[in-house]
């Protein structure tokens, strides 16, 4: 019997039962934890007991899978006891790096998350909520409105999913601070040099003062009432320019982490005033673990990291030692990639799961980011979406080798299994090169980087590796030609997989043309085709607002091919 997710305990008994003659009993019992259930199919009775209404829904889903696999309507006699490894099983979608999904697309996402038994959704927001009085910031981004949030929130609640508000509140606010009306709030209003060596013409971090707190208070006042949830993720990660401008004297006197923590405490007080619990990214605090004990009472640090060797063990141990409730946040490794990085995603999610559970994390939040134009096709996100579900429900022992089967049956209705094999082939391209880069794929950089960097990369991809990549892409295309998904967006998914092939082949061709000295003019038609497909596919799932910025990565490439 193939059940998703794999139950913790399944005992089969001799004989079968007829569902038409059996008494059906479903009840909530407080001796079971939330999300946990038992399912018993006896000769004349089907009994479901759950810890809450969500658990009853999960049991109903399991029973439906059993019915679908039972010939002639005769059910096997059995007992199942099941429940999730993590109490909170979340998915975070970046809606600020260009792609803001349509309402239809967001509702489709909710359906898929519910099918995979996620129970939390966050939409990472910098500037893409339609705040009244701040139209200059979001005017061209096609933001979500309060009414749309309420519609989405109701859809989530109906599927036992908590829609948690997410508004970055310290760093990553350059889309606000570039506007004259907000420059006075910037730590570095005239720009700064980032840790990566590039100069950024606008500030990205709020100055940690009373004016910034008043600004955040106004945002929370407008945003939070549209959500049922009493929690909010305030972000506060990667405050790259803190201490480089307005707060420099304080930072030099007290240390950057001290100034960061003081402002985080004030944000926590603000969140508490609004009747919410604060979640925040833990990267800055973890640089000075001795400060963890001073975190705002009741706040929830989110320990994030996206590589296969991220120090989750050390960081989770530090949170556990402080007695804190915390979450772990791995990533789906699709961003800054044209083909996905499945091996990295699987290893990263597995590591976060193992160490999170070992040290008592309450939740796992799978993240999907959209750095540099959110260029990756949507279809690439599906394998990690399934694996994240498996790990967050089944724990570290999850058999994620079965993700293609579960993706095919649970989400795609693809009896051929070939679309999952397409994504597996694309996601394995990373493994064919000895040269790797942190948090991105080599081929993505080979496609979009400046010419000097691409020349260096071209020397690191050997001819043998180039042939292996080309062969793997041919294999993916062959799988795609045989795929037959029957989900409502099946045609879009096929086109997105084809776009992944198109972009990856273009990246490989650019590297090869530089390595061999061949003319790059022949690449222009391929680039124009890729851009045309990017634009048309974008508008199927997403609003138009962020498309011009995303398009600029392609148009800029015309000049430096």
Protein backbone atom coordinates (compact mmCIF):
# COMPACT_ATOMS: atom_id res chain seq x y z
CA UNK A 1 0.00 0.00 0.00
CA UNK A 2 1.40 3.39 -1.05
CA UNK A 3 0.32 6.10 1.36
CA UNK A 4 1.47 9.70 1.52
CA UNK A 5 2.88 10.52 3.94
CA UNK A 6 4.09 7.17 5.18
CA UNK A 7 2.25 6.49 8.48
CA UNK A 8 4.29 6.05 11.64
CA UNK A 9 2.45 2.82 12.44
CA UNK A 10 0.39 0.61 10.13
CA UNK A 11 -0.86 -2.80 11.23
CA UNK A 12 -2.69 -4.99 8.73
CA UNK A 13 -5.14 -7.63 9.92
CA UNK A 14 -6.57 -10.62 8.04
CA UNK A 15 -9.69 -10.09 6.00
CA UNK A 16 -11.43 -7.14 4.40
CA UNK A 17 -14.26 -4.79 5.19
CA UNK A 18 -17.04 -3.35 3.09
CA UNK A 19 -17.21 0.43 3.49
CA UNK A 20 -20.85 0.41 2.42
CA UNK A 21 -21.91 -1.72 5.39
CA UNK A 22 -19.52 -0.31 7.99
CA UNK A 23 -20.48 2.17 10.69
CA UNK A 24 -18.37 5.34 10.33
CA UNK A 25 -17.28 7.15 13.52
CA UNK A 26 -15.12 10.29 13.61
CA UNK A 27 -14.29 12.14 16.81
CA UNK A 28 -11.79 14.44 18.50
CA UNK A 29 -10.04 13.20 21.60
CA UNK A 30 -7.82 15.31 23.83
CA UNK A 31 -5.43 12.45 24.53
CA UNK A 32 -3.98 12.96 21.04
CA UNK A 33 -1.70 15.85 20.12
CA UNK A 34 -2.81 18.33 17.44
CA UNK A 35 -2.42 16.80 13.98
CA UNK A 36 -2.21 13.24 15.32
CA UNK A 37 -4.85 10.62 14.55
CA UNK A 38 -5.74 6.96 14.61
CA UNK A 39 -7.64 5.14 11.88
CA UNK A 40 -9.15 1.71 12.45
CA UNK A 41 -10.92 -0.27 9.75
CA UNK A 42 -12.70 -3.25 11.30
CA UNK A 43 -15.12 -5.77 9.85
CA UNK A 44 -18.15 -3.56 10.53
CA UNK A 45 -16.76 -0.23 11.71
CA UNK A 46 -14.44 2.53 10.47
CA UNK A 47 -13.28 4.67 13.36
CA UNK A 48 -11.21 7.87 13.19
CA UNK A 49 -9.95 9.66 16.27
CA UNK A 50 -7.98 12.90 15.99
CA UNK A 51 -6.36 15.46 18.21
CA UNK A 52 -8.10 18.31 16.39
CA UNK A 53 -10.11 19.03 13.25
CA UNK A 54 -6.95 19.12 11.14
CA UNK A 55 -6.08 15.61 12.33
CA UNK A 56 -9.52 14.38 11.29
CA UNK A 57 -8.93 15.88 7.83
CA UNK A 58 -5.57 14.11 7.58
CA UNK A 59 -7.20 10.82 8.57
CA UNK A 60 -9.95 11.33 5.99
CA UNK A 61 -7.25 11.89 3.39
CA UNK A 62 -5.50 8.67 4.38
CA UNK A 63 -8.79 6.78 4.18
CA UNK A 64 -9.44 8.24 0.72
CA UNK A 65 -6.03 6.97 -0.43
CA UNK A 66 -6.83 3.51 0.93
CA UNK A 67 -10.18 3.49 -0.86
CA UNK A 68 -8.51 4.48 -4.13
CA UNK A 69 -6.10 1.54 -3.84
CA UNK A 70 -8.70 -1.06 -2.79
CA UNK A 71 -10.06 -3.29 -5.56
CA UNK A 72 -13.79 -3.74 -5.81
CA UNK A 73 -14.38 -1.44 -2.88
CA UNK A 74 -13.21 -3.94 -0.25
CA UNK A 75 -11.02 -2.19 2.30
CA UNK A 76 -8.17 -3.91 4.15
CA UNK A 77 -8.66 -4.35 7.87
CA UNK A 78 -6.00 -2.26 9.56
CA UNK A 79 -4.95 0.15 12.28
CA UNK A 80 -2.98 3.32 11.56
CA UNK A 81 -1.49 5.67 14.10
CA UNK A 82 0.10 8.77 12.64
CA UNK A 83 1.08 12.36 13.29
CA UNK A 84 3.63 14.96 12.22
CA UNK A 85 7.24 15.18 13.32
CA UNK A 86 7.03 18.98 13.43
CA UNK A 87 4.06 20.74 14.97
CA UNK A 88 4.47 23.60 12.47
CA UNK A 89 5.09 22.71 8.82
CA UNK A 90 5.45 25.90 6.85
CA UNK A 91 6.14 27.19 3.39
CA UNK A 92 7.43 30.69 2.71
CA UNK A 93 7.04 32.22 -0.75
CA UNK A 94 9.00 35.33 -1.71
CA UNK A 95 6.53 37.83 -3.20
CA UNK A 96 8.86 40.84 -3.09
CA UNK A 97 11.50 39.85 -5.60
CA UNK A 98 9.33 40.63 -8.60
CA UNK A 99 6.77 37.79 -8.66
CA UNK A 100 3.47 38.57 -6.93
CA UNK A 101 1.14 35.66 -7.77
CA UNK A 102 -2.42 36.18 -8.96
CA UNK A 103 -5.19 35.24 -6.55
CA UNK A 104 -5.95 32.13 -8.59
CA UNK A 105 -2.33 31.07 -8.29
CA UNK A 106 -2.23 31.68 -4.54
CA UNK A 107 -5.38 29.63 -4.07
CA UNK A 108 -3.84 26.84 -6.17
CA UNK A 109 -0.81 26.96 -3.88
CA UNK A 110 -3.04 26.63 -0.82
CA UNK A 111 -4.63 23.52 -2.31
CA UNK A 112 -1.23 21.96 -2.96
CA UNK A 113 0.04 22.81 0.51
CA UNK A 114 -3.07 21.28 2.08
CA UNK A 115 -2.66 18.11 0.02
CA UNK A 116 0.91 17.86 1.31
CA UNK A 117 -0.20 18.59 4.91
CA UNK A 118 1.60 21.87 5.38
CA UNK A 119 -0.15 23.91 8.05
CA UNK A 120 1.52 27.31 7.72
CA UNK A 121 2.04 29.73 4.84
CA UNK A 122 4.05 32.95 4.83
CA UNK A 123 4.33 35.43 1.97
CA UNK A 124 7.67 37.20 2.35
CA UNK A 125 6.95 40.90 1.96
CA UNK A 126 9.11 43.97 1.70
CA UNK A 127 6.93 46.39 -0.30
CA UNK A 128 4.21 44.35 -2.00
CA UNK A 129 1.27 45.08 0.30
CA UNK A 130 -0.93 48.02 -0.70
CA UNK A 131 -0.31 50.23 2.33
CA UNK A 132 -2.56 53.28 2.34
CA UNK A 133 -0.53 56.49 2.05
CA UNK A 134 2.53 54.72 0.67
CA UNK A 135 1.47 54.33 -2.96
CA UNK A 136 4.80 55.60 -4.32
CA UNK A 137 6.50 52.50 -2.91
CA UNK A 138 4.20 49.80 -4.27
CA UNK A 139 2.53 51.52 -7.24
CA UNK A 140 4.36 49.51 -9.93
CA UNK A 141 4.56 46.19 -8.08
CA UNK A 142 0.95 44.89 -8.35
CA UNK A 143 0.68 44.39 -4.58
CA UNK A 144 -1.76 42.34 -2.54
CA UNK A 145 -4.62 44.29 -0.99
CA UNK A 146 -6.16 43.84 2.41
CA UNK A 147 -9.26 42.31 0.85
CA UNK A 148 -7.15 39.78 -1.04
CA UNK A 149 -5.27 38.85 2.12
CA UNK A 150 -8.59 38.21 3.86
CA UNK A 151 -9.78 36.02 0.99
CA UNK A 152 -6.55 34.06 1.07
CA UNK A 153 -6.65 33.83 4.85
CA UNK A 154 -10.15 32.34 4.72
CA UNK A 155 -9.05 29.80 2.11
CA UNK A 156 -6.09 28.82 4.28
CA UNK A 157 -8.22 28.46 7.40
CA UNK A 158 -10.63 26.20 5.53
CA UNK A 159 -7.69 23.92 4.69
CA UNK A 160 -6.18 23.96 8.22
CA UNK A 161 -3.36 26.31 7.22
CA UNK A 162 -2.31 29.36 9.24
CA UNK A 163 -1.51 32.36 7.05
CA UNK A 164 1.21 34.13 9.03
CA UNK A 165 1.93 37.77 8.14
CA UNK A 166 5.51 38.41 7.05
CA UNK A 167 6.88 41.95 6.75
CA UNK A 168 10.61 42.59 6.84
CA UNK A 169 11.14 45.28 9.41
CA UNK A 170 14.84 46.22 9.66
CA UNK A 171 16.97 45.22 6.67
CA UNK A 172 16.07 44.54 3.03
CA UNK A 173 14.01 47.73 2.81
CA UNK A 174 15.80 49.36 -0.13
CA UNK A 175 12.55 49.38 -2.11
CA UNK A 176 11.23 51.80 0.50
CA UNK A 177 14.37 53.75 1.29
CA UNK A 178 15.17 54.62 -2.33
CA UNK A 179 12.22 57.00 -2.37
CA UNK A 180 12.81 60.59 -1.15
CA UNK A 181 9.95 60.43 1.35
CA UNK A 182 11.70 57.61 3.24
CA UNK A 183 15.41 58.53 2.96
CA UNK A 184 15.33 60.04 6.46
CA UNK A 185 14.67 56.54 7.83
CA UNK A 186 17.75 55.00 6.21
CA UNK A 187 20.89 54.05 8.07
CA UNK A 188 22.82 54.97 4.90
CA UNK A 189 20.60 57.29 2.80
CA UNK A 190 23.37 57.86 0.24
CA UNK A 191 24.08 54.17 -0.29
CA UNK A 192 26.74 51.77 0.97
CA UNK A 193 29.21 49.11 -0.10
CA UNK A 194 27.75 45.68 0.57
CA UNK A 195 29.68 42.76 2.11
CA UNK A 196 29.89 41.35 -1.43
CA UNK A 197 31.91 44.35 -2.63
CA UNK A 198 29.29 46.09 -4.78
CA UNK A 199 28.11 49.63 -4.14
CA UNK A 200 24.39 49.95 -3.57
CA UNK A 201 23.03 53.43 -4.25
CA UNK A 202 20.21 53.23 -1.70
CA UNK A 203 20.10 52.35 1.95
CA UNK A 204 18.69 48.94 2.82
CA UNK A 205 18.43 49.10 6.61
CA UNK A 206 16.35 51.30 8.87
CA UNK A 207 18.22 53.51 11.31
CA UNK A 208 17.42 52.04 14.75
CA UNK A 209 15.55 54.99 16.23
CA UNK A 210 12.11 56.22 17.25
CA UNK A 211 11.18 57.44 13.75
CA UNK A 212 11.72 53.97 12.34
CA UNK A 213 9.62 52.42 15.10
CA UNK A 214 6.79 54.85 14.34
CA UNK A 215 7.04 53.85 10.68
CA UNK A 216 6.82 50.15 11.56
CA UNK A 217 3.92 50.82 13.92
CA UNK A 218 1.95 52.31 11.05
CA UNK A 219 2.72 49.33 8.80
CA UNK A 220 1.65 46.81 11.44
CA UNK A 221 -1.51 48.80 12.14
CA UNK A 222 -2.54 48.47 8.50
CA UNK A 223 -1.29 44.95 7.78
CA UNK A 224 -1.99 42.74 10.79
CA UNK A 225 -5.79 43.11 11.13
CA UNK A 226 -6.27 41.29 7.80
CA UNK A 227 -4.93 38.02 9.28
CA UNK A 228 -6.44 35.56 11.75
CA UNK A 229 -2.94 34.62 12.92
CA UNK A 230 -1.61 36.18 16.10
CA UNK A 231 1.98 35.79 14.93
CA UNK A 232 4.07 37.86 12.57
CA UNK A 233 7.48 37.26 11.00
CA UNK A 234 9.33 40.58 11.17
CA UNK A 235 12.39 39.32 9.26
CA UNK A 236 15.29 41.50 10.47
CA UNK A 237 17.92 39.45 8.61
CA UNK A 238 21.02 40.65 6.76
CA UNK A 239 21.15 44.21 8.07
CA UNK A 240 24.18 44.77 5.88
CA UNK A 241 24.55 48.53 6.32
CA UNK A 242 23.85 48.73 10.04
CA UNK A 243 26.72 50.63 11.68
CA UNK A 244 27.94 52.14 8.43
CA UNK A 245 25.97 55.38 8.75
CA UNK A 246 23.69 56.90 11.36
CA UNK A 247 24.42 54.32 14.08
CA UNK A 248 28.19 54.18 13.53
CA UNK A 249 29.07 55.93 16.82
CA UNK A 250 26.83 53.58 18.82
CA UNK A 251 28.15 50.51 17.03
CA UNK A 252 31.76 51.55 17.59
CA UNK A 253 31.03 52.03 21.29
CA UNK A 254 28.85 48.98 21.99
CA UNK A 255 29.20 46.53 19.07
CA UNK A 256 26.92 45.91 16.12
CA UNK A 257 25.08 42.93 17.59
CA UNK A 258 24.30 44.92 20.74
CA UNK A 259 22.73 47.75 18.74
CA UNK A 260 20.86 45.21 16.60
CA UNK A 261 19.46 43.46 19.67
CA UNK A 262 18.34 46.71 21.29
CA UNK A 263 16.29 47.59 18.22
CA UNK A 264 14.96 44.03 17.86
CA UNK A 265 13.74 44.26 21.46
CA UNK A 266 11.85 47.44 20.62
CA UNK A 267 10.31 45.80 17.53
CA UNK A 268 9.26 42.95 19.82
CA UNK A 269 7.57 45.39 22.17
CA UNK A 270 5.78 46.92 19.19
CA UNK A 271 4.60 43.51 17.99
CA UNK A 272 3.39 42.70 21.51
CA UNK A 273 1.46 45.98 21.61
CA UNK A 274 -0.40 44.78 18.51
CA UNK A 275 -1.24 41.50 20.28
CA UNK A 276 1.10 39.31 18.23
CA UNK A 277 4.03 36.96 18.77
CA UNK A 278 7.24 37.87 16.95
CA UNK A 279 9.09 35.49 14.63
CA UNK A 280 12.42 36.70 13.23
CA UNK A 281 15.40 35.43 11.27
CA UNK A 282 18.15 34.41 13.71
CA UNK A 283 21.29 35.03 11.62
CA UNK A 284 22.46 38.24 13.33
CA UNK A 285 21.90 37.06 16.89
CA UNK A 286 23.74 33.81 16.18
CA UNK A 287 26.92 35.80 15.52
CA UNK A 288 26.97 36.54 19.28
CA UNK A 289 25.36 33.50 20.95
CA UNK A 290 25.82 35.01 24.39
CA UNK A 291 23.08 37.48 23.45
CA UNK A 292 20.49 34.74 22.86
CA UNK A 293 19.42 34.79 26.50
CA UNK A 294 18.38 38.43 26.05
CA UNK A 295 15.98 37.83 23.18
CA UNK A 296 12.48 39.26 23.72
CA UNK A 297 10.36 36.95 25.83
CA UNK A 298 8.04 34.81 23.72
CA UNK A 299 9.77 35.61 20.45
CA UNK A 300 10.53 32.77 18.01
CA UNK A 301 13.93 32.75 16.29
CA UNK A 302 13.98 31.12 12.86
CA UNK A 303 17.32 29.42 12.21
CA UNK A 304 17.91 29.55 8.46
CA UNK A 305 20.55 28.20 6.10
CA UNK A 306 20.47 26.89 2.55
CA UNK A 307 23.54 24.75 1.92
CA UNK A 308 24.12 21.08 2.62
CA UNK A 309 26.75 21.89 5.27
CA UNK A 310 24.95 24.68 7.14
CA UNK A 311 25.79 24.55 10.89
CA UNK A 312 22.26 23.66 11.99
CA UNK A 313 23.65 21.36 14.70
CA UNK A 314 25.56 24.14 16.44
CA UNK A 315 22.89 26.80 15.97
CA UNK A 316 19.96 24.64 17.05
CA UNK A 317 21.92 23.52 20.11
CA UNK A 318 22.39 27.17 21.08
CA UNK A 319 18.67 27.84 20.82
CA UNK A 320 17.84 24.72 22.80
CA UNK A 321 20.33 25.61 25.52
CA UNK A 322 18.53 28.94 25.96
CA UNK A 323 15.20 27.12 26.31
CA UNK A 324 13.69 28.90 23.31
CA UNK A 325 10.88 27.86 21.02
CA UNK A 326 12.38 28.03 17.54
CA UNK A 327 11.95 26.95 13.93
CA UNK A 328 14.40 25.76 11.28
CA UNK A 329 14.26 27.11 7.74
CA UNK A 330 15.94 25.26 4.87
CA UNK A 331 15.41 26.22 1.23
CA UNK A 332 14.20 24.65 -2.00
CA UNK A 333 17.44 25.71 -3.80
CA UNK A 334 15.67 26.89 -6.96
CA UNK A 335 16.63 30.55 -6.83
CA UNK A 336 19.67 31.75 -8.80
CA UNK A 337 19.33 28.61 -10.89
CA UNK A 338 17.88 27.73 -14.27
CA UNK A 339 17.49 24.02 -13.50
CA UNK A 340 17.13 23.62 -9.73
CA UNK A 341 19.69 22.19 -7.30
CA UNK A 342 17.92 19.09 -6.06
CA UNK A 343 20.84 17.40 -4.33
CA UNK A 344 21.54 20.55 -2.35
CA UNK A 345 17.85 20.99 -1.50
CA UNK A 346 17.45 17.40 -0.30
CA UNK A 347 20.61 17.46 1.82
CA UNK A 348 19.77 20.88 3.24
CA UNK A 349 16.19 19.96 4.20
CA UNK A 350 17.35 16.65 5.66
CA UNK A 351 20.00 18.37 7.79
CA UNK A 352 17.58 21.01 9.06
CA UNK A 353 15.07 18.27 9.91
CA UNK A 354 17.55 16.06 11.74
CA UNK A 355 19.11 18.80 13.82
CA UNK A 356 15.86 20.66 14.37
CA UNK A 357 14.15 17.59 15.78
CA UNK A 358 17.21 16.59 17.79
CA UNK A 359 17.23 19.94 19.54
CA UNK A 360 13.48 20.41 19.94
CA UNK A 361 12.52 22.80 17.12
CA UNK A 362 8.76 23.23 16.93
CA UNK A 363 8.59 23.91 13.22
CA UNK A 364 10.18 23.66 9.80
CA UNK A 365 9.71 26.50 7.30
CA UNK A 366 10.67 25.65 3.71
CA UNK A 367 11.69 28.82 1.89
CA UNK A 368 11.39 29.74 -1.77
CA UNK A 369 13.31 32.90 -2.69
CA UNK A 370 13.31 35.01 -5.85
CA UNK A 371 16.73 36.69 -5.92
CA UNK A 372 17.71 38.49 -9.15
CA UNK A 373 14.38 38.71 -10.85
CA UNK A 374 12.75 35.46 -9.74
CA UNK A 375 13.76 33.94 -13.06
CA UNK A 376 13.48 30.26 -12.12
CA UNK A 377 10.39 28.58 -13.65
CA UNK A 378 7.73 27.63 -11.11
CA UNK A 379 7.79 23.91 -11.93
CA UNK A 380 11.28 23.61 -10.46
CA UNK A 381 9.88 24.24 -6.97
CA UNK A 382 7.71 21.11 -6.89
CA UNK A 383 10.24 18.40 -5.94
CA UNK A 384 11.44 20.22 -2.82
CA UNK A 385 7.84 21.10 -1.95
CA UNK A 386 7.13 17.37 -1.75
CA UNK A 387 10.39 16.56 0.06
CA UNK A 388 9.77 19.33 2.58
CA UNK A 389 6.38 17.83 3.30
CA UNK A 390 7.84 14.36 3.75
CA UNK A 391 10.55 15.51 6.13
CA UNK A 392 8.32 17.81 8.18
CA UNK A 393 5.73 15.05 8.66
CA UNK A 394 7.79 11.86 8.74
CA UNK A 395 10.98 13.27 10.28
CA UNK A 396 14.59 12.51 9.45
CA UNK A 397 13.78 8.91 8.45
CA UNK A 398 11.53 10.02 5.58
CA UNK A 399 12.07 8.04 2.40
CA UNK A 400 12.46 11.00 0.06
CA UNK A 401 13.55 8.72 -2.77
CA UNK A 402 9.80 8.37 -3.29
CA UNK A 403 9.23 12.07 -4.02
CA UNK A 404 8.76 11.43 -7.78
CA UNK A 405 6.01 8.92 -7.03
CA UNK A 406 4.25 11.25 -4.61
CA UNK A 407 4.60 14.27 -6.88
CA UNK A 408 3.13 12.29 -9.78
CA UNK A 409 0.20 10.86 -7.84
CA UNK A 410 -0.66 13.53 -5.29
CA UNK A 411 -0.15 16.76 -7.25
CA UNK A 412 0.18 16.07 -10.97
CA UNK A 413 -2.05 13.07 -11.70
CA UNK A 414 0.67 11.87 -14.06
CA UNK A 415 0.40 8.10 -14.46
CA UNK A 416 3.54 8.07 -16.61
CA UNK A 417 5.74 9.54 -13.87
CA UNK A 418 7.70 11.22 -16.64
CA UNK A 419 7.22 14.80 -15.53
CA UNK A 420 8.81 14.04 -12.16
CA UNK A 421 11.66 12.34 -14.02
CA UNK A 422 12.05 15.51 -16.09
CA UNK A 423 12.46 17.58 -12.94
CA UNK A 424 14.82 15.00 -11.42
CA UNK A 425 17.04 15.13 -14.50
CA UNK A 426 17.07 18.93 -14.51
CA UNK A 427 17.77 19.07 -10.78
CA UNK A 428 20.75 16.72 -11.13
CA UNK A 429 22.67 18.99 -13.53
CA UNK A 430 24.48 20.57 -10.57
CA UNK A 431 26.06 17.20 -9.74
CA UNK A 432 27.78 17.04 -13.12
CA UNK A 433 30.30 19.81 -12.40
CA UNK A 434 33.15 19.71 -9.92
CA UNK A 435 33.03 23.50 -9.51
CA UNK A 436 30.23 24.65 -7.23
CA UNK A 437 29.15 28.05 -5.97
CA UNK A 438 27.49 29.02 -2.72
CA UNK A 439 23.73 29.52 -2.83
CA UNK A 440 23.47 29.50 -6.63
CA UNK A 441 24.19 27.38 -9.68
CA UNK A 442 27.28 27.79 -11.81
CA UNK A 443 25.21 27.82 -14.99
CA UNK A 444 23.03 30.67 -13.72
CA UNK A 445 26.14 32.76 -13.24
CA UNK A 446 27.39 31.56 -16.60
CA UNK A 447 24.26 32.98 -18.16
CA UNK A 448 23.81 36.30 -16.34
CA UNK A 449 27.22 37.32 -14.98
CA UNK A 450 29.54 39.93 -16.47
CA UNK A 451 31.88 38.71 -19.18
CA UNK A 452 35.05 38.58 -17.03
CA UNK A 453 33.37 36.30 -14.48
CA UNK A 454 31.97 34.14 -17.26
CA UNK A 455 35.44 33.75 -18.78
CA UNK A 456 36.70 32.46 -15.44
CA UNK A 457 33.75 30.10 -15.13
CA UNK A 458 34.25 28.80 -18.66
CA UNK A 459 37.69 27.55 -17.65
CA UNK A 460 36.21 25.62 -14.72
CA UNK A 461 33.61 23.68 -16.72
CA UNK A 462 35.55 21.04 -18.61
CA UNK A 463 34.58 19.81 -22.10
CA UNK A 464 33.71 16.44 -20.59
CA UNK A 465 31.39 18.12 -18.09
CA UNK A 466 29.78 20.19 -20.83
CA UNK A 467 29.00 17.04 -22.81
CA UNK A 468 27.58 15.38 -19.68
CA UNK A 469 25.33 18.37 -19.03
CA UNK A 470 24.12 18.45 -22.62
CA UNK A 471 23.36 14.73 -22.45
CA UNK A 472 21.44 15.13 -19.19
CA UNK A 473 19.39 17.93 -20.71
CA UNK A 474 18.57 15.69 -23.68
CA UNK A 475 17.42 13.04 -21.23
CA UNK A 476 15.22 15.57 -19.46
CA UNK A 477 13.70 16.62 -22.78
CA UNK A 478 12.96 12.99 -23.65
CA UNK A 479 11.19 12.51 -20.31
CA UNK A 480 9.22 15.69 -20.91
CA UNK A 481 8.06 14.49 -24.31
CA UNK A 482 6.47 11.44 -22.66
CA UNK A 483 5.03 13.22 -19.61
CA UNK A 484 1.27 13.39 -19.23
CA UNK A 485 0.31 15.42 -16.13
CA UNK A 486 -3.45 15.96 -15.83
CA UNK A 487 -3.58 18.67 -13.17
CA UNK A 488 -5.30 21.98 -14.04
CA UNK A 489 -2.00 23.76 -14.80
CA UNK A 490 -0.44 20.83 -16.66
CA UNK A 491 0.21 22.77 -19.86
CA UNK A 492 1.90 25.56 -17.91
CA UNK A 493 4.10 23.07 -16.10
CA UNK A 494 5.25 21.48 -19.34
CA UNK A 495 6.08 24.90 -20.78
CA UNK A 496 7.98 25.83 -17.62
CA UNK A 497 10.07 22.68 -17.81
CA UNK A 498 10.80 23.50 -21.45
CA UNK A 499 11.86 26.99 -20.37
CA UNK A 500 14.25 25.48 -17.83
CA UNK A 501 15.79 23.44 -20.64
CA UNK A 502 15.95 26.54 -22.84
CA UNK A 503 17.69 28.69 -20.23
CA UNK A 504 20.14 26.00 -19.17
CA UNK A 505 21.13 25.25 -22.76
CA UNK A 506 21.62 28.97 -23.37
CA UNK A 507 23.88 29.20 -20.31
CA UNK A 508 25.90 26.22 -21.48
CA UNK A 509 26.16 27.67 -24.98
CA UNK A 510 27.41 30.99 -23.62
CA UNK A 511 30.12 29.28 -21.59
CA UNK A 512 31.10 27.11 -24.54
CA UNK A 513 31.27 30.06 -26.94
CA UNK A 514 33.65 31.88 -24.61
CA UNK A 515 35.78 28.81 -23.94
CA UNK A 516 36.11 27.93 -27.63
CA UNK A 517 36.21 31.47 -29.03
CA UNK A 518 33.15 30.94 -31.24
CA UNK A 519 30.96 33.86 -32.24
CA UNK A 520 28.31 34.65 -29.68
CA UNK A 521 25.97 36.33 -32.16
CA UNK A 522 24.24 33.01 -32.73
CA UNK A 523 23.09 33.14 -29.11
CA UNK A 524 20.90 36.20 -29.62
CA UNK A 525 17.95 34.33 -31.19
CA UNK A 526 18.03 31.87 -28.29
CA UNK A 527 18.06 34.75 -25.81
CA UNK A 528 15.10 36.45 -27.51
CA UNK A 529 13.12 33.19 -27.44
CA UNK A 530 13.92 32.69 -23.76
CA UNK A 531 12.82 36.25 -22.94
CA UNK A 532 9.59 35.87 -24.89
CA UNK A 533 8.75 32.65 -23.06
CA UNK A 534 9.70 34.20 -19.72
CA UNK A 535 7.27 37.04 -20.28
CA UNK A 536 4.36 34.90 -21.46
CA UNK A 537 4.78 32.32 -18.68
CA UNK A 538 5.12 35.03 -16.05
CA UNK A 539 1.69 36.48 -16.79
CA UNK A 540 -0.05 33.11 -16.48
CA UNK A 541 0.71 32.79 -12.77
CA UNK A 542 1.78 36.26 -11.68
CA UNK A 543 0.77 39.90 -11.76
CA UNK A 544 2.55 42.21 -14.20
CA UNK A 545 4.12 44.57 -11.67
CA UNK A 546 7.54 42.96 -11.21
CA UNK A 547 7.98 41.82 -14.78
CA UNK A 548 9.90 44.89 -16.08
CA UNK A 549 12.58 44.43 -13.41
CA UNK A 550 12.85 40.72 -14.10
CA UNK A 551 12.95 41.39 -17.84
CA UNK A 552 15.91 43.73 -17.33
CA UNK A 553 18.17 40.78 -16.50
CA UNK A 554 17.55 39.44 -20.01
CA UNK A 555 17.72 42.76 -21.82
CA UNK A 556 20.96 43.64 -20.03
CA UNK A 557 22.38 40.34 -21.21
CA UNK A 558 21.94 41.37 -24.84
CA UNK A 559 24.81 43.83 -24.47
CA UNK A 560 27.25 41.45 -22.84
CA UNK A 561 26.66 38.10 -24.51
